[in-house]
Full PDB file with SEQRES, HELIX, SHEET, SSBOND, CRYST1, ORIGX, SCALE, CONECT and MASTER records, all heavy atoms in Angstrom:
SEQRES   1 A   31  PRO VAL SER VAL LYS GLY ALA GLU ALA ASN SER VAL PHE          
SEQRES   2 A   31  SER TYR LEU SER GLU GLN HIS GLY GLU PRO SER TRP ASN          
SEQRES   3 A   31  PHE ASN LYS TYR LEU                                          
HELIX    1 AA1 GLY A    6  GLU A    8  5                                   3    
HELIX    2 AA2 SER A   11  HIS A   20  1                                  10    
CRYST1    1.000    1.000    1.000  90.00  90.00  90.00 P 1           1          
ORIGX1      1.000000  0.000000  0.000000        0.00000                         
ORIGX2      0.000000  1.000000  0.000000        0.00000                         
ORIGX3      0.000000  0.000000  1.000000        0.00000                         
SCALE1      1.000000  0.000000  0.000000        0.00000                         
SCALE2      0.000000  1.000000  0.000000        0.00000                         
SCALE3      0.000000  0.000000  1.000000        0.00000                         
ATOM      1  N   PRO A   1    -159.476-117.050  98.585  1.00  0.00           N  
ATOM      2  CA  PRO A   1    -158.848-117.691  99.747  1.00  0.00           C  
ATOM      3  C   PRO A   1    -159.855-118.121 100.812  1.00  0.00           C  
ATOM      4  O   PRO A   1    -160.825-117.412 101.097  1.00  0.00           O  
ATOM      5  CB  PRO A   1    -157.913-116.602 100.273  1.00  0.00           C  
ATOM      6  CG  PRO A   1    -157.570-115.797  99.055  1.00  0.00           C  
ATOM      7  CD  PRO A   1    -158.839-115.767  98.250  1.00  0.00           C  
ATOM      8  N   VAL A   2    -159.613-119.307 101.366  1.00  0.00           N  
ATOM      9  CA  VAL A   2    -160.474-119.865 102.410  1.00  0.00           C  
ATOM     10  C   VAL A   2    -159.595-120.523 103.473  1.00  0.00           C  
ATOM     11  O   VAL A   2    -158.395-120.724 103.281  1.00  0.00           O  
ATOM     12  CB  VAL A   2    -161.444-120.931 101.849  1.00  0.00           C  
ATOM     13  CG1 VAL A   2    -162.413-120.316 100.851  1.00  0.00           C  
ATOM     14  CG2 VAL A   2    -160.672-122.095 101.219  1.00  0.00           C  
ATOM     15  N   SER A   3    -160.215-120.877 104.574  1.00  0.00           N  
ATOM     16  CA  SER A   3    -159.539-121.698 105.576  1.00  0.00           C  
ATOM     17  C   SER A   3    -159.772-123.164 105.215  1.00  0.00           C  
ATOM     18  O   SER A   3    -160.869-123.540 104.790  1.00  0.00           O  
ATOM     19  CB  SER A   3    -160.103-121.403 106.963  1.00  0.00           C  
ATOM     20  OG  SER A   3    -159.420-122.171 107.937  1.00  0.00           O  
ATOM     21  N   VAL A   4    -158.726-123.978 105.362  1.00  0.00           N  
ATOM     22  CA  VAL A   4    -158.833-125.373 104.928  1.00  0.00           C  
ATOM     23  C   VAL A   4    -158.651-126.371 106.072  1.00  0.00           C  
ATOM     24  O   VAL A   4    -158.716-127.582 105.837  1.00  0.00           O  
ATOM     25  CB  VAL A   4    -157.811-125.672 103.806  1.00  0.00           C  
ATOM     26  CG1 VAL A   4    -158.084-124.821 102.590  1.00  0.00           C  
ATOM     27  CG2 VAL A   4    -156.370-125.475 104.304  1.00  0.00           C  
ATOM     28  N   LYS A   5    -158.456-125.887 107.275  1.00  0.00           N  
ATOM     29  CA  LYS A   5    -158.290-126.825 108.394  1.00  0.00           C  
ATOM     30  C   LYS A   5    -158.844-126.214 109.679  1.00  0.00           C  
ATOM     31  O   LYS A   5    -159.066-125.008 109.773  1.00  0.00           O  
ATOM     32  CB  LYS A   5    -156.821-127.210 108.583  1.00  0.00           C  
ATOM     33  CG  LYS A   5    -155.893-126.096 109.025  1.00  0.00           C  
ATOM     34  CD  LYS A   5    -154.442-126.575 109.048  1.00  0.00           C  
ATOM     35  CE  LYS A   5    -153.495-125.507 109.617  1.00  0.00           C  
ATOM     36  NZ  LYS A   5    -153.637-125.341 111.064  1.00  0.00           N  
ATOM     37  N   GLY A   6    -159.094-127.077 110.629  1.00  0.00           N  
ATOM     38  CA  GLY A   6    -159.611-126.614 111.909  1.00  0.00           C  
ATOM     39  C   GLY A   6    -161.086-126.265 111.869  1.00  0.00           C  
ATOM     40  O   GLY A   6    -161.795-126.539 110.895  1.00  0.00           O  
ATOM     41  N   ALA A   7    -161.526-125.593 112.912  1.00  0.00           N  
ATOM     42  CA  ALA A   7    -162.950-125.270 113.058  1.00  0.00           C  
ATOM     43  C   ALA A   7    -163.440-124.293 112.004  1.00  0.00           C  
ATOM     44  O   ALA A   7    -164.631-124.236 111.700  1.00  0.00           O  
ATOM     45  CB  ALA A   7    -163.206-124.702 114.457  1.00  0.00           C  
ATOM     46  N   GLU A   8    -162.525-123.501 111.434  1.00  0.00           N  
ATOM     47  CA  GLU A   8    -162.912-122.489 110.457  1.00  0.00           C  
ATOM     48  C   GLU A   8    -162.856-123.001 109.006  1.00  0.00           C  
ATOM     49  O   GLU A   8    -163.110-122.240 108.069  1.00  0.00           O  
ATOM     50  CB  GLU A   8    -161.999-121.265 110.582  1.00  0.00           C  
ATOM     51  CG  GLU A   8    -162.043-120.589 111.938  1.00  0.00           C  
ATOM     52  CD  GLU A   8    -163.440-120.094 112.275  1.00  0.00           C  
ATOM     53  OE1 GLU A   8    -164.100-119.540 111.362  1.00  0.00           O  
ATOM     54  OE2 GLU A   8    -163.870-120.267 113.423  1.00  0.00           O  
ATOM     55  N   ALA A   9    -162.520-124.258 108.822  1.00  0.00           N  
ATOM     56  CA  ALA A   9    -162.407-124.802 107.464  1.00  0.00           C  
ATOM     57  C   ALA A   9    -163.733-124.686 106.717  1.00  0.00           C  
ATOM     58  O   ALA A   9    -164.807-124.869 107.309  1.00  0.00           O  
ATOM     59  CB  ALA A   9    -161.968-126.262 107.520  1.00  0.00           C  
ATOM     60  N   ASN A  10    -163.656-124.368 105.430  1.00  0.00           N  
ATOM     61  CA  ASN A  10    -164.896-124.281 104.656  1.00  0.00           C  
ATOM     62  C   ASN A  10    -165.474-125.684 104.464  1.00  0.00           C  
ATOM     63  O   ASN A  10    -164.827-126.698 104.759  1.00  0.00           O  
ATOM     64  CB  ASN A  10    -164.675-123.550 103.323  1.00  0.00           C  
ATOM     65  CG  ASN A  10    -164.102-124.438 102.253  1.00  0.00           C  
ATOM     66  OD1 ASN A  10    -163.435-125.420 102.524  1.00  0.00           O  
ATOM     67  ND2 ASN A  10    -164.346-124.070 101.004  1.00  0.00           N  
ATOM     68  N   SER A  11    -166.705-125.750 104.003  1.00  0.00           N  
ATOM     69  CA  SER A  11    -167.436-127.027 103.966  1.00  0.00           C  
ATOM     70  C   SER A  11    -166.740-128.075 103.114  1.00  0.00           C  
ATOM     71  O   SER A  11    -166.772-129.271 103.426  1.00  0.00           O  
ATOM     72  CB  SER A  11    -168.856-126.801 103.447  1.00  0.00           C  
ATOM     73  OG  SER A  11    -168.847-126.307 102.115  1.00  0.00           O  
ATOM     74  N   VAL A  12    -166.091-127.651 102.037  1.00  0.00           N  
ATOM     75  CA  VAL A  12    -165.415-128.602 101.148  1.00  0.00           C  
ATOM     76  C   VAL A  12    -164.298-129.322 101.887  1.00  0.00           C  
ATOM     77  O   VAL A  12    -164.205-130.558 101.886  1.00  0.00           O  
ATOM     78  CB  VAL A  12    -164.856-127.888  99.895  1.00  0.00           C  
ATOM     79  CG1 VAL A  12    -164.022-128.856  99.058  1.00  0.00           C  
ATOM     80  CG2 VAL A  12    -165.988-127.304  99.064  1.00  0.00           C  
ATOM     81  N   PHE A  13    -163.450-128.559 102.569  1.00  0.00           N  
ATOM     82  CA  PHE A  13    -162.314-129.172 103.249  1.00  0.00           C  
ATOM     83  C   PHE A  13    -162.720-129.881 104.531  1.00  0.00           C  
ATOM     84  O   PHE A  13    -162.046-130.828 104.960  1.00  0.00           O  
ATOM     85  CB  PHE A  13    -161.206-128.144 103.482  1.00  0.00           C  
ATOM     86  CG  PHE A  13    -160.358-127.939 102.263  1.00  0.00           C  
ATOM     87  CD1 PHE A  13    -160.735-127.036 101.281  1.00  0.00           C  
ATOM     88  CD2 PHE A  13    -159.214-128.693 102.057  1.00  0.00           C  
ATOM     89  CE1 PHE A  13    -159.979-126.868 100.126  1.00  0.00           C  
ATOM     90  CE2 PHE A  13    -158.446-128.539 100.911  1.00  0.00           C  
ATOM     91  CZ  PHE A  13    -158.824-127.627  99.943  1.00  0.00           C  
ATOM     92  N   SER A  14    -163.804-129.476 105.133  1.00  0.00           N  
ATOM     93  CA  SER A  14    -164.332-130.233 106.273  1.00  0.00           C  
ATOM     94  C   SER A  14    -164.732-131.629 105.811  1.00  0.00           C  
ATOM     95  O   SER A  14    -164.439-132.636 106.477  1.00  0.00           O  
ATOM     96  CB  SER A  14    -165.541-129.517 106.883  1.00  0.00           C  
ATOM     97  OG  SER A  14    -165.156-128.316 107.496  1.00  0.00           O  
ATOM     98  N   TYR A  15    -165.377-131.674 104.649  1.00  0.00           N  
ATOM     99  CA  TYR A  15    -165.806-132.958 104.075  1.00  0.00           C  
ATOM    100  C   TYR A  15    -164.602-133.821 103.700  1.00  0.00           C  
ATOM    101  O   TYR A  15    -164.543-135.010 104.014  1.00  0.00           O  
ATOM    102  CB  TYR A  15    -166.671-132.684 102.853  1.00  0.00           C  
ATOM    103  CG  TYR A  15    -167.062-133.905 102.067  1.00  0.00           C  
ATOM    104  CD1 TYR A  15    -168.103-134.732 102.501  1.00  0.00           C  
ATOM    105  CD2 TYR A  15    -166.403-134.238 100.884  1.00  0.00           C  
ATOM    106  CE1 TYR A  15    -168.462-135.858 101.772  1.00  0.00           C  
ATOM    107  CE2 TYR A  15    -166.764-135.354 100.149  1.00  0.00           C  
ATOM    108  CZ  TYR A  15    -167.796-136.163 100.593  1.00  0.00           C  
ATOM    109  OH  TYR A  15    -168.148-137.279  99.864  1.00  0.00           O  
ATOM    110  N   LEU A  16    -163.617-133.221 103.042  1.00  0.00           N  
ATOM    111  CA  LEU A  16    -162.417-133.962 102.651  1.00  0.00           C  
ATOM    112  C   LEU A  16    -161.668-134.483 103.872  1.00  0.00           C  
ATOM    113  O   LEU A  16    -161.211-135.631 103.905  1.00  0.00           O  
ATOM    114  CB  LEU A  16    -161.490-133.057 101.830  1.00  0.00           C  
ATOM    115  CG  LEU A  16    -162.043-132.491 100.509  1.00  0.00           C  
ATOM    116  CD1 LEU A  16    -161.045-131.511  99.912  1.00  0.00           C  
ATOM    117  CD2 LEU A  16    -162.363-133.605  99.516  1.00  0.00           C  
ATOM    118  N   SER A  17    -161.571-133.637 104.896  1.00  0.00           N  
ATOM    119  CA  SER A  17    -160.817-134.003 106.096  1.00  0.00           C  
ATOM    120  C   SER A  17    -161.483-135.131 106.859  1.00  0.00           C  
ATOM    121  O   SER A  17    -160.804-135.979 107.463  1.00  0.00           O  
ATOM    122  CB  SER A  17    -160.667-132.776 107.009  1.00  0.00           C  
ATOM    123  OG  SER A  17    -159.938-131.756 106.350  1.00  0.00           O  
ATOM    124  N   GLU A  18    -162.799-135.162 106.858  1.00  0.00           N  
ATOM    125  CA  GLU A  18    -163.528-136.228 107.550  1.00  0.00           C  
ATOM    126  C   GLU A  18    -163.177-137.593 106.968  1.00  0.00           C  
ATOM    127  O   GLU A  18    -163.149-138.594 107.686  1.00  0.00           O  
ATOM    128  CB  GLU A  18    -165.037-135.995 107.445  1.00  0.00           C  
ATOM    129  CG  GLU A  18    -165.557-134.882 108.335  1.00  0.00           C  
ATOM    130  CD  GLU A  18    -167.027-134.596 108.082  1.00  0.00           C  
ATOM    131  OE1 GLU A  18    -167.636-135.311 107.247  1.00  0.00           O  
ATOM    132  OE2 GLU A  18    -167.571-133.677 108.719  1.00  0.00           O  
ATOM    133  N   GLN A  19    -162.903-137.638 105.667  1.00  0.00           N  
ATOM    134  CA  GLN A  19    -162.640-138.918 105.014  1.00  0.00           C  
ATOM    135  C   GLN A  19    -161.159-139.280 104.962  1.00  0.00           C  
ATOM    136  O   GLN A  19    -160.805-140.454 105.083  1.00  0.00           O  
ATOM    137  CB  GLN A  19    -163.214-138.899 103.594  1.00  0.00           C  
ATOM    138  CG  GLN A  19    -164.730-138.770 103.564  1.00  0.00           C  
ATOM    139  CD  GLN A  19    -165.295-139.108 102.200  1.00  0.00           C  
ATOM    140  OE1 GLN A  19    -164.926-140.087 101.568  1.00  0.00           O  
ATOM    141  NE2 GLN A  19    -166.226-138.280 101.731  1.00  0.00           N  
ATOM    142  N   HIS A  20    -160.293-138.276 104.772  1.00  0.00           N  
ATOM    143  CA  HIS A  20    -158.872-138.599 104.614  1.00  0.00           C  
ATOM    144  C   HIS A  20    -157.928-137.641 105.347  1.00  0.00           C  
ATOM    145  O   HIS A  20    -156.757-137.534 104.975  1.00  0.00           O  
ATOM    146  CB  HIS A  20    -158.509-138.652 103.123  1.00  0.00           C  
ATOM    147  CG  HIS A  20    -158.864-139.962 102.478  1.00  0.00           C  
ATOM    148  ND1 HIS A  20    -158.036-141.059 102.530  1.00  0.00           N  
ATOM    149  CD2 HIS A  20    -159.968-140.359 101.798  1.00  0.00           C  
ATOM    150  CE1 HIS A  20    -158.611-142.069 101.887  1.00  0.00           C  
ATOM    151  NE2 HIS A  20    -159.779-141.670 101.451  1.00  0.00           N  
ATOM    152  N   GLY A  21    -158.433-136.975 106.356  1.00  0.00           N  
ATOM    153  CA  GLY A  21    -157.561-136.117 107.158  1.00  0.00           C  
ATOM    154  C   GLY A  21    -157.396-134.731 106.569  1.00  0.00           C  
ATOM    155  O   GLY A  21    -157.486-134.534 105.355  1.00  0.00           O  
ATOM    156  N   GLU A  22    -157.143-133.739 107.437  1.00  0.00           N  
ATOM    157  CA  GLU A  22    -156.997-132.374 106.968  1.00  0.00           C  
ATOM    158  C   GLU A  22    -155.621-132.147 106.357  1.00  0.00           C  
ATOM    159  O   GLU A  22    -154.688-132.939 106.579  1.00  0.00           O  
ATOM    160  CB  GLU A  22    -157.258-131.379 108.098  1.00  0.00           C  
ATOM    161  CG  GLU A  22    -156.248-131.426 109.234  1.00  0.00           C  
ATOM    162  CD  GLU A  22    -156.605-130.440 110.330  1.00  0.00           C  
ATOM    163  OE1 GLU A  22    -157.744-129.965 110.387  1.00  0.00           O  
ATOM    164  OE2 GLU A  22    -155.707-130.137 111.152  1.00  0.00           O  
ATOM    165  N   PRO A  23    -155.476-131.097 105.566  1.00  0.00           N  
ATOM    166  CA  PRO A  23    -154.183-130.840 104.919  1.00  0.00           C  
ATOM    167  C   PRO A  23    -153.065-130.708 105.943  1.00  0.00           C  
ATOM    168  O   PRO A  23    -153.215-130.039 106.964  1.00  0.00           O  
ATOM    169  CB  PRO A  23    -154.407-129.516 104.186  1.00  0.00           C  
ATOM    170  CG  PRO A  23    -155.888-129.438 103.992  1.00  0.00           C  
ATOM    171  CD  PRO A  23    -156.485-130.081 105.206  1.00  0.00           C  
ATOM    172  N   SER A  24    -151.938-131.355 105.650  1.00  0.00           N  
ATOM    173  CA  SER A  24    -150.779-131.280 106.549  1.00  0.00           C  
ATOM    174  C   SER A  24    -149.895-130.084 106.217  1.00  0.00           C  
ATOM    175  O   SER A  24    -149.082-129.651 107.028  1.00  0.00           O  
ATOM    176  CB  SER A  24    -149.957-132.567 106.443  1.00  0.00           C  
ATOM    177  OG  SER A  24    -149.563-132.801 105.098  1.00  0.00           O  
ATOM    178  N   TRP A  25    -150.064-129.551 104.988  1.00  0.00           N  
ATOM    179  CA  TRP A  25    -149.297-128.400 104.523  1.00  0.00           C  
ATOM    180  C   TRP A  25    -149.940-127.923 103.234  1.00  0.00           C  
ATOM    181  O   TRP A  25    -150.962-128.463 102.781  1.00  0.00           O  
ATOM    182  CB  TRP A  25    -147.833-128.801 104.307  1.00  0.00           C  
ATOM    183  CG  TRP A  25    -146.878-127.650 104.097  1.00  0.00           C  
ATOM    184  CD1 TRP A  25    -146.178-127.377 102.966  1.00  0.00           C  
ATOM    185  CD2 TRP A  25    -146.535-126.624 105.040  1.00  0.00           C  
ATOM    186  NE1 TRP A  25    -145.409-126.242 103.135  1.00  0.00           N  
ATOM    187  CE2 TRP A  25    -145.604-125.756 104.404  1.00  0.00           C  
ATOM    188  CE3 TRP A  25    -146.914-126.351 106.351  1.00  0.00           C  
ATOM    189  CZ2 TRP A  25    -145.060-124.638 105.032  1.00  0.00           C  
ATOM    190  CZ3 TRP A  25    -146.375-125.243 106.980  1.00  0.00           C  
ATOM    191  CH2 TRP A  25    -145.456-124.405 106.327  1.00  0.00           C  
ATOM    192  N   ASN A  26    -149.375-126.875 102.635  1.00  0.00           N  
ATOM    193  CA  ASN A  26    -149.881-126.396 101.350  1.00  0.00           C  
ATOM    194  C   ASN A  26    -149.692-127.470 100.263  1.00  0.00           C  
ATOM    195  O   ASN A  26    -148.801-128.306 100.339  1.00  0.00           O  
ATOM    196  CB  ASN A  26    -149.129-125.136 100.919  1.00  0.00           C  
ATOM    197  CG  ASN A  26    -149.229-124.040 101.953  1.00  0.00           C  
ATOM    198  OD1 ASN A  26    -150.304-123.679 102.407  1.00  0.00           O  
ATOM    199  ND2 ASN A  26    -148.073-123.496 102.352  1.00  0.00           N  
ATOM    200  N   PHE A  27    -150.535-127.401  99.271  1.00  0.00           N  
ATOM    201  CA  PHE A  27    -150.475-128.283  98.103  1.00  0.00           C  
ATOM    202  C   PHE A  27    -150.669-129.762  98.444  1.00  0.00           C  
ATOM    203  O   PHE A  27    -150.087-130.638  97.809  1.00  0.00           O  
ATOM    204  CB  PHE A  27    -149.185-128.056  97.299  1.00  0.00           C  
ATOM    205  CG  PHE A  27    -149.212-126.759  96.536  1.00  0.00           C  
ATOM    206  CD1 PHE A  27    -148.745-125.585  97.133  1.00  0.00           C  
ATOM    207  CD2 PHE A  27    -149.732-126.691  95.256  1.00  0.00           C  
ATOM    208  CE1 PHE A  27    -148.800-124.371  96.453  1.00  0.00           C  
ATOM    209  CE2 PHE A  27    -149.793-125.489  94.568  1.00  0.00           C  
ATOM    210  CZ  PHE A  27    -149.329-124.321  95.167  1.00  0.00           C  
ATOM    211  N   ASN A  28    -151.526-130.009  99.458  1.00  0.00           N  
ATOM    212  CA  ASN A  28    -152.065-131.353  99.585  1.00  0.00           C  
ATOM    213  C   ASN A  28    -153.096-131.518  98.481  1.00  0.00           C  
ATOM    214  O   ASN A  28    -153.736-130.546  98.062  1.00  0.00           O  
ATOM    215  CB  ASN A  28    -152.719-131.554 100.945  1.00  0.00           C  
ATOM    216  CG  ASN A  28    -151.736-131.964 102.036  1.00  0.00           C  
ATOM    217  OD1 ASN A  28    -152.114-132.580 103.019  1.00  0.00           O  
ATOM    218  ND2 ASN A  28    -150.457-131.632 101.875  1.00  0.00           N  
ATOM    219  N   LYS A  29    -153.244-132.730  98.019  1.00  0.00           N  
ATOM    220  CA  LYS A  29    -154.141-132.985  96.881  1.00  0.00           C  
ATOM    221  C   LYS A  29    -155.138-134.074  97.260  1.00  0.00           C  
ATOM    222  O   LYS A  29    -154.740-135.130  97.773  1.00  0.00           O  
ATOM    223  CB  LYS A  29    -153.328-133.404  95.647  1.00  0.00           C  
ATOM    224  CG  LYS A  29    -152.223-132.403  95.298  1.00  0.00           C  
ATOM    225  CD  LYS A  29    -151.101-133.058  94.527  1.00  0.00           C  
ATOM    226  CE  LYS A  29    -149.885-132.145  94.443  1.00  0.00           C  
ATOM    227  NZ  LYS A  29    -149.158-132.073  95.760  1.00  0.00           N  
ATOM    228  N   TYR A  30    -156.403-133.815  96.987  1.00  0.00           N  
ATOM    229  CA  TYR A  30    -157.464-134.784  97.280  1.00  0.00           C  
ATOM    230  C   TYR A  30    -158.099-135.221  95.965  1.00  0.00           C  
ATOM    231  O   TYR A  30    -158.580-134.384  95.189  1.00  0.00           O  
ATOM    232  CB  TYR A  30    -158.531-134.164  98.170  1.00  0.00           C  
ATOM    233  CG  TYR A  30    -158.077-133.804  99.571  1.00  0.00           C  
ATOM    234  CD1 TYR A  30    -157.413-132.603  99.815  1.00  0.00           C  
ATOM    235  CD2 TYR A  30    -158.327-134.658 100.653  1.00  0.00           C  
ATOM    236  CE1 TYR A  30    -157.005-132.260 101.098  1.00  0.00           C  
ATOM    237  CE2 TYR A  30    -157.921-134.312 101.940  1.00  0.00           C  
ATOM    238  CZ  TYR A  30    -157.263-133.121 102.152  1.00  0.00           C  
ATOM    239  OH  TYR A  30    -156.860-132.775 103.417  1.00  0.00           O  
ATOM    240  N   LEU A  31    -158.114-136.518  95.737  1.00  0.00           N  
ATOM    241  CA  LEU A  31    -158.765-137.060  94.544  1.00  0.00           C  
ATOM    242  C   LEU A  31    -160.146-137.559  94.938  1.00  0.00           C  
ATOM    243  O   LEU A  31    -160.295-138.389  95.846  1.00  0.00           O  
ATOM    244  CB  LEU A  31    -157.932-138.198  93.950  1.00  0.00           C  
ATOM    245  CG  LEU A  31    -158.464-138.823  92.660  1.00  0.00           C  
ATOM    246  CD1 LEU A  31    -158.530-137.791  91.535  1.00  0.00           C  
ATOM    247  CD2 LEU A  31    -157.599-140.011  92.242  1.00  0.00           C  
TER     248      LEU A  31                                                      
MASTER        0    0    0    2    0    0    0    6  247    1    0    3          
END                                                                             
């Protein structure tokens, strides 16, 4: 388990969020 949004998001989700926004809820999918 990791944090996927906000300041505590891990590096993977920080990168994903920069390009297409952070997860709005569980089971968001990034291609």
